[in-house]
Amino acid sequence: MKQFIRQVFTDILENPVFDHKLIEHYFSKDYVQSVDRTQLNYEEFILHIKKLKEKVIVQKIDIINYAERESTIFTNHMARSALKDGSTVVHKVMAEFTIQENKIIKCDELTLLVEGKPAEKDLGSEI
C-alpha cells in the first residue's frame, strides 16, 4: 500500500497538471476526506485539487513514516509547496487512508502549518 499512496501523491499532488481521469483512477466516487475540522466529499475534493493547481507551482511530498494494516495506511508526511505568489509553505500531515477495491474511499487528516504565511494554514482543505 505504501507504493500505492506514493503513486497517488506523485500523480495527483506533485503533478502540476489537474487530471480528472487520474482522480477517478485513484479515488472512489464515495470518497470522504476530513481535514482538521473540514469535511470534503468527492466533488468537493475535485474542487480542492483544482484550487491547489491554481495556487501551487510545485509541490513535493516526503513520507517520513507510515503504518499499514488490512485496508488502511497511515502516513506521517511533509508537504512542501511553492506558490504562484512566490511564497513557500510547509505542512506536516498525519493522514489515515482507507482503500477499498483499489481506490481510496476515506481520508482522515490532520495538518499543521510548519512554515509560511498563516493565511495558508488551510491549504489542505481549501476549495
Protein backbone atom coordinates (compact mmCIF):
# COMPACT_ATOMS: atom_id res chain seq x y z
CA MET A 1 0.00 0.00 0.00
CA LYS A 2 2.91 2.37 0.59
CA GLN A 3 3.75 2.31 -3.13
CA PHE A 4 0.07 2.95 -3.98
CA ILE A 5 -0.08 6.05 -1.73
CA ARG A 6 3.31 7.23 -3.01
CA GLN A 7 1.92 6.98 -6.57
CA VAL A 8 -1.21 8.93 -5.57
CA PHE A 9 1.00 11.68 -4.11
CA THR A 10 3.08 11.75 -7.30
CA ASP A 11 0.22 11.60 -9.80
CA ILE A 12 -2.30 13.86 -8.03
CA LEU A 13 -0.45 16.24 -5.69
CA GLU A 14 3.04 16.57 -7.17
CA ASN A 15 1.75 16.61 -10.74
CA PRO A 16 1.40 20.31 -11.71
CA VAL A 17 -1.48 19.47 -14.08
CA PHE A 18 -5.07 18.86 -12.98
CA ASP A 19 -6.11 15.47 -14.36
CA HIS A 20 -9.68 14.43 -13.58
CA LYS A 21 -9.07 10.92 -15.01
CA LEU A 22 -6.27 10.31 -12.51
CA ILE A 23 -8.54 11.33 -9.65
CA GLU A 24 -11.17 8.87 -10.93
CA HIS A 25 -8.47 6.19 -11.16
CA TYR A 26 -7.39 6.52 -7.52
CA PHE A 27 -10.47 7.78 -5.65
CA SER A 28 -13.90 6.27 -5.13
CA LYS A 29 -16.97 8.35 -6.03
CA ASP A 30 -17.95 7.75 -2.37
CA TYR A 31 -14.72 9.37 -1.16
CA VAL A 32 -14.90 11.45 2.02
CA GLN A 33 -12.00 13.48 3.41
CA SER A 34 -11.84 15.02 6.86
CA VAL A 35 -9.11 17.64 7.15
CA ASP A 36 -8.84 19.22 10.57
CA ARG A 37 -12.45 20.43 11.08
CA THR A 38 -13.45 20.42 7.39
CA GLN A 39 -15.13 17.55 5.55
CA LEU A 40 -14.98 17.20 1.76
CA ASN A 41 -16.97 14.80 -0.38
CA TYR A 42 -15.74 13.53 -3.76
CA GLU A 43 -16.95 16.56 -5.75
CA GLU A 44 -15.55 18.99 -3.18
CA PHE A 45 -12.26 17.09 -3.24
CA ILE A 46 -12.07 17.61 -7.02
CA LEU A 47 -12.64 21.36 -6.45
CA HIS A 48 -9.89 21.25 -3.80
CA ILE A 49 -7.40 19.69 -6.24
CA LYS A 50 -8.33 22.29 -8.89
CA LYS A 51 -7.75 25.05 -6.33
CA LEU A 52 -4.33 23.60 -5.47
CA LYS A 53 -3.35 23.62 -9.14
CA GLU A 54 -4.39 27.30 -9.35
CA LYS A 55 -2.21 28.26 -6.36
CA VAL A 56 0.75 25.87 -6.38
CA ILE A 57 3.64 25.78 -8.87
CA VAL A 58 5.50 22.85 -7.32
CA GLN A 59 4.52 20.50 -4.52
CA LYS A 60 6.75 17.81 -3.02
CA ILE A 61 5.51 15.18 -0.59
CA ASP A 62 8.06 13.42 1.65
CA ILE A 63 6.80 10.40 3.58
CA ILE A 64 8.53 10.43 6.94
CA ASN A 65 6.86 7.29 8.25
CA TYR A 66 3.91 5.02 7.57
CA ALA A 67 2.00 2.10 9.03
CA GLU A 68 -0.43 -0.19 7.30
CA ARG A 69 -2.97 -2.80 8.32
CA GLU A 70 -5.55 -4.55 6.18
CA SER A 71 -7.25 -1.81 4.08
CA THR A 72 -5.72 1.15 5.94
CA ILE A 73 -2.47 3.04 5.55
CA PHE A 74 -1.37 5.85 7.85
CA THR A 75 1.23 8.36 6.70
CA ASN A 76 3.22 10.97 8.53
CA HIS A 77 4.42 13.24 5.72
CA MET A 78 5.65 16.72 4.89
CA ALA A 79 4.07 18.70 2.06
CA ARG A 80 6.32 21.44 0.68
CA SER A 81 4.60 23.83 -1.72
CA ALA A 82 5.96 26.67 -3.84
CA LEU A 83 3.05 29.00 -4.53
CA LYS A 84 2.46 31.12 -7.61
CA ASP A 85 2.69 34.28 -5.46
CA GLY A 86 6.36 33.44 -4.83
CA SER A 87 5.95 32.19 -1.27
CA THR A 88 6.69 28.75 0.13
CA VAL A 89 4.67 26.78 2.66
CA VAL A 90 5.39 23.57 4.52
CA HIS A 91 2.72 21.45 6.18
CA LYS A 92 3.22 18.45 8.44
CA VAL A 93 0.43 15.98 7.66
CA MET A 94 -0.85 12.93 9.51
CA ALA A 95 -3.27 11.04 7.30
CA GLU A 96 -5.16 7.77 7.57
CA PHE A 97 -6.33 6.42 4.20
CA THR A 98 -8.89 3.65 3.76
CA ILE A 99 -8.66 1.72 0.50
CA GLN A 100 -11.41 -0.46 -0.96
CA GLU A 101 -11.35 -2.13 -4.37
CA ASN A 102 -8.06 -0.39 -5.23
CA LYS A 103 -9.49 3.09 -4.63
CA ILE A 104 -9.23 5.49 -1.72
CA ILE A 105 -12.63 5.78 -0.08
CA LYS A 106 -11.73 7.80 3.02
CA CYS A 107 -9.00 10.05 4.38
CA ASP A 108 -8.86 11.33 7.94
CA GLU A 109 -6.17 14.00 8.07
CA LEU A 110 -4.59 16.49 10.46
CA THR A 111 -2.40 19.25 9.06
CA LEU A 112 -0.06 21.67 10.75
CA LEU A 113 1.43 24.72 9.07
CA VAL A 114 5.14 24.50 9.88
CA GLU A 115 6.44 27.25 7.60
CA GLY A 116 4.80 30.01 5.59
CA LYS A 117 2.04 32.59 5.75
CA PRO A 118 -0.71 31.91 8.32
CA ALA A 119 -3.26 32.50 5.54
CA GLU A 120 -2.12 29.19 4.01
CA LYS A 121 -2.93 27.19 7.14
CA ASP A 122 -5.94 25.58 5.44
CA LEU A 123 -4.27 24.81 2.10
CA GLY A 124 -5.05 21.12 2.72
CA SER A 125 -8.82 21.69 2.55
CA GLU A 126 -9.26 24.87 0.55
CA ILE A 127 -11.81 24.83 -2.29
